[in-house]
Amino acid sequence: MTASTWKGILSMLAMVLGPLMRLLTPTIKTALEKALGELWKKAVATSNPIDDLFVGFLFDILGLNRPE
């Protein structure tokens, strides 16, 4: 697949997941944010920059703020 194909796929994914995130109950959204926050800590602790990019991508697609 080309880069533009991936970009299109990711854009469609964001269009679907973004509105779904707004429909989640606060309990589930908070739990998801907490779980992704823990995953973020583990990703930045590795020496592989792809880990950081992937978890950051999850935050972006889901419309959540990345931890500091």
N, C-alpha and C. Protein backbone atom coordinates (compact mmCIF):
# COMPACT_ATOMS: atom_id res chain seq x y z
N MET A 1 0.84 -1.18 0.00
CA MET A 1 0.00 0.00 0.00
C MET A 1 0.88 1.24 0.00
N THR A 2 0.37 2.25 -0.62
CA THR A 2 1.11 3.50 -0.66
C THR A 2 0.78 4.36 0.56
N ALA A 3 1.58 5.39 0.74
CA ALA A 3 1.37 6.29 1.89
C ALA A 3 0.01 6.98 1.80
N SER A 4 -0.42 7.32 0.59
CA SER A 4 -1.71 8.00 0.46
C SER A 4 -2.87 7.06 0.77
N THR A 5 -2.70 5.77 0.48
CA THR A 5 -3.73 4.79 0.83
C THR A 5 -3.86 4.68 2.34
N TRP A 6 -2.71 4.59 3.02
CA TRP A 6 -2.73 4.51 4.48
C TRP A 6 -3.34 5.76 5.08
N LYS A 7 -2.99 6.90 4.51
CA LYS A 7 -3.53 8.16 5.02
C LYS A 7 -5.04 8.18 4.90
N GLY A 8 -5.56 7.69 3.77
CA GLY A 8 -7.01 7.63 3.57
C GLY A 8 -7.68 6.69 4.56
N ILE A 9 -7.06 5.53 4.78
CA ILE A 9 -7.60 4.56 5.73
C ILE A 9 -7.64 5.15 7.14
N LEU A 10 -6.55 5.78 7.53
CA LEU A 10 -6.47 6.37 8.87
C LEU A 10 -7.46 7.52 9.03
N SER A 11 -7.65 8.28 7.97
CA SER A 11 -8.61 9.38 8.02
C SER A 11 -10.03 8.85 8.22
N MET A 12 -10.37 7.79 7.51
CA MET A 12 -11.70 7.19 7.68
C MET A 12 -11.88 6.62 9.08
N LEU A 13 -10.82 6.00 9.59
CA LEU A 13 -10.87 5.44 10.93
C LEU A 13 -11.12 6.54 11.95
N ALA A 14 -10.44 7.66 11.79
CA ALA A 14 -10.62 8.79 12.71
C ALA A 14 -12.04 9.35 12.61
N MET A 15 -12.60 9.38 11.41
CA MET A 15 -13.96 9.89 11.24
C MET A 15 -14.99 9.00 11.94
N VAL A 16 -14.70 7.71 12.04
CA VAL A 16 -15.63 6.78 12.70
C VAL A 16 -15.42 6.79 14.21
N LEU A 17 -14.17 6.71 14.64
CA LEU A 17 -13.90 6.60 16.07
C LEU A 17 -14.10 7.90 16.83
N GLY A 18 -13.85 9.03 16.20
CA GLY A 18 -14.02 10.32 16.88
C GLY A 18 -15.44 10.49 17.43
N PRO A 19 -16.46 10.37 16.58
CA PRO A 19 -17.83 10.51 17.08
C PRO A 19 -18.19 9.44 18.11
N LEU A 20 -17.68 8.23 17.95
CA LEU A 20 -17.98 7.18 18.92
C LEU A 20 -17.43 7.53 20.29
N MET A 21 -16.26 8.15 20.33
CA MET A 21 -15.66 8.53 21.61
C MET A 21 -16.56 9.52 22.35
N ARG A 22 -17.23 10.39 21.62
CA ARG A 22 -18.10 11.38 22.25
C ARG A 22 -19.35 10.73 22.85
N LEU A 23 -19.69 9.52 22.40
CA LEU A 23 -20.87 8.83 22.89
C LEU A 23 -20.59 7.92 24.09
N LEU A 24 -19.32 7.69 24.39
CA LEU A 24 -18.97 6.83 25.51
C LEU A 24 -19.34 7.48 26.84
N THR A 25 -19.67 6.64 27.80
CA THR A 25 -19.92 7.16 29.13
C THR A 25 -18.59 7.63 29.73
N PRO A 26 -18.64 8.59 30.65
CA PRO A 26 -17.40 9.07 31.27
C PRO A 26 -16.59 7.93 31.92
N THR A 27 -17.26 6.94 32.46
CA THR A 27 -16.57 5.83 33.11
C THR A 27 -15.67 5.09 32.12
N ILE A 28 -16.21 4.79 30.97
CA ILE A 28 -15.45 4.05 29.95
C ILE A 28 -14.36 4.93 29.36
N LYS A 29 -14.68 6.19 29.09
CA LYS A 29 -13.68 7.10 28.52
C LYS A 29 -12.51 7.28 29.48
N THR A 30 -12.79 7.43 30.76
CA THR A 30 -11.74 7.58 31.76
C THR A 30 -10.88 6.32 31.84
N ALA A 31 -11.51 5.16 31.82
CA ALA A 31 -10.77 3.90 31.87
C ALA A 31 -9.89 3.75 30.64
N LEU A 32 -10.39 4.13 29.46
CA LEU A 32 -9.61 4.06 28.24
C LEU A 32 -8.42 5.01 28.29
N GLU A 33 -8.67 6.23 28.76
CA GLU A 33 -7.58 7.21 28.90
C GLU A 33 -6.51 6.70 29.86
N LYS A 34 -6.93 6.09 30.96
CA LYS A 34 -5.98 5.57 31.94
C LYS A 34 -5.16 4.44 31.33
N ALA A 35 -5.82 3.52 30.64
CA ALA A 35 -5.11 2.39 30.02
C ALA A 35 -4.13 2.88 28.96
N LEU A 36 -4.56 3.84 28.14
CA LEU A 36 -3.64 4.37 27.12
C LEU A 36 -2.50 5.14 27.76
N GLY A 37 -2.78 5.81 28.89
CA GLY A 37 -1.71 6.51 29.60
C GLY A 37 -0.64 5.55 30.08
N GLU A 38 -1.06 4.41 30.58
CA GLU A 38 -0.10 3.39 31.02
C GLU A 38 0.68 2.83 29.83
N LEU A 39 -0.03 2.63 28.72
CA LEU A 39 0.63 2.15 27.51
C LEU A 39 1.64 3.18 27.01
N TRP A 40 1.29 4.46 27.12
CA TRP A 40 2.19 5.54 26.71
C TRP A 40 3.48 5.50 27.53
N LYS A 41 3.35 5.32 28.84
CA LYS A 41 4.54 5.25 29.70
C LYS A 41 5.45 4.11 29.26
N LYS A 42 4.86 2.97 28.94
CA LYS A 42 5.65 1.82 28.50
C LYS A 42 6.28 2.08 27.14
N ALA A 43 5.57 2.75 26.26
CA ALA A 43 6.09 3.03 24.93
C ALA A 43 7.30 3.96 24.98
N VAL A 44 7.20 5.03 25.77
CA VAL A 44 8.32 5.96 25.83
C VAL A 44 9.51 5.38 26.58
N ALA A 45 9.28 4.35 27.38
CA ALA A 45 10.37 3.71 28.11
C ALA A 45 11.19 2.77 27.22
N THR A 46 10.65 2.40 26.06
CA THR A 46 11.40 1.52 25.16
C THR A 46 12.33 2.35 24.29
N SER A 47 13.27 1.69 23.67
CA SER A 47 14.19 2.39 22.77
C SER A 47 13.66 2.47 21.34
N ASN A 48 12.49 1.87 21.10
CA ASN A 48 11.92 1.84 19.76
C ASN A 48 11.00 3.05 19.56
N PRO A 49 11.35 3.98 18.66
CA PRO A 49 10.50 5.16 18.45
C PRO A 49 9.15 4.82 17.81
N ILE A 50 9.04 3.68 17.18
CA ILE A 50 7.77 3.27 16.58
C ILE A 50 6.73 3.05 17.68
N ASP A 51 7.17 2.57 18.84
CA ASP A 51 6.24 2.40 19.96
C ASP A 51 5.59 3.73 20.31
N ASP A 52 6.39 4.78 20.40
CA ASP A 52 5.89 6.12 20.72
C ASP A 52 4.92 6.60 19.65
N LEU A 53 5.30 6.41 18.40
CA LEU A 53 4.46 6.86 17.29
C LEU A 53 3.12 6.12 17.28
N PHE A 54 3.16 4.81 17.50
CA PHE A 54 1.94 4.02 17.45
C PHE A 54 0.97 4.41 18.57
N VAL A 55 1.48 4.52 19.79
CA VAL A 55 0.59 4.87 20.91
C VAL A 55 0.11 6.31 20.76
N GLY A 56 0.98 7.20 20.29
CA GLY A 56 0.56 8.57 20.02
C GLY A 56 -0.53 8.62 18.97
N PHE A 57 -0.40 7.77 17.96
CA PHE A 57 -1.41 7.66 16.92
C PHE A 57 -2.75 7.24 17.52
N LEU A 58 -2.73 6.30 18.46
CA LEU A 58 -3.97 5.86 19.11
C LEU A 58 -4.64 7.03 19.84
N PHE A 59 -3.85 7.83 20.54
CA PHE A 59 -4.38 9.01 21.21
C PHE A 59 -5.02 9.96 20.20
N ASP A 60 -4.32 10.19 19.08
CA ASP A 60 -4.82 11.12 18.08
C ASP A 60 -6.11 10.62 17.43
N ILE A 61 -6.13 9.35 17.06
CA ILE A 61 -7.31 8.77 16.40
C ILE A 61 -8.53 8.82 17.34
N LEU A 62 -8.29 8.56 18.61
CA LEU A 62 -9.39 8.54 19.57
C LEU A 62 -9.75 9.93 20.09
N GLY A 63 -8.97 10.93 19.70
CA GLY A 63 -9.27 12.30 20.11
C GLY A 63 -8.97 12.56 21.58
N LEU A 64 -8.00 11.81 22.12
CA LEU A 64 -7.62 11.98 23.52
C LEU A 64 -6.32 12.76 23.61
N ASN A 65 -6.14 13.49 24.70
CA ASN A 65 -4.90 14.24 24.91
C ASN A 65 -3.79 13.31 25.39
N ARG A 66 -2.63 13.47 24.77
CA ARG A 66 -1.47 12.67 25.19
C ARG A 66 -0.98 13.16 26.55
N PRO A 67 -0.49 12.23 27.37
CA PRO A 67 0.08 12.64 28.66
C PRO A 67 1.32 13.50 28.45
N GLU A 68 1.63 14.32 29.43
CA GLU A 68 2.84 15.16 29.36
C GLU A 68 4.08 14.31 29.45
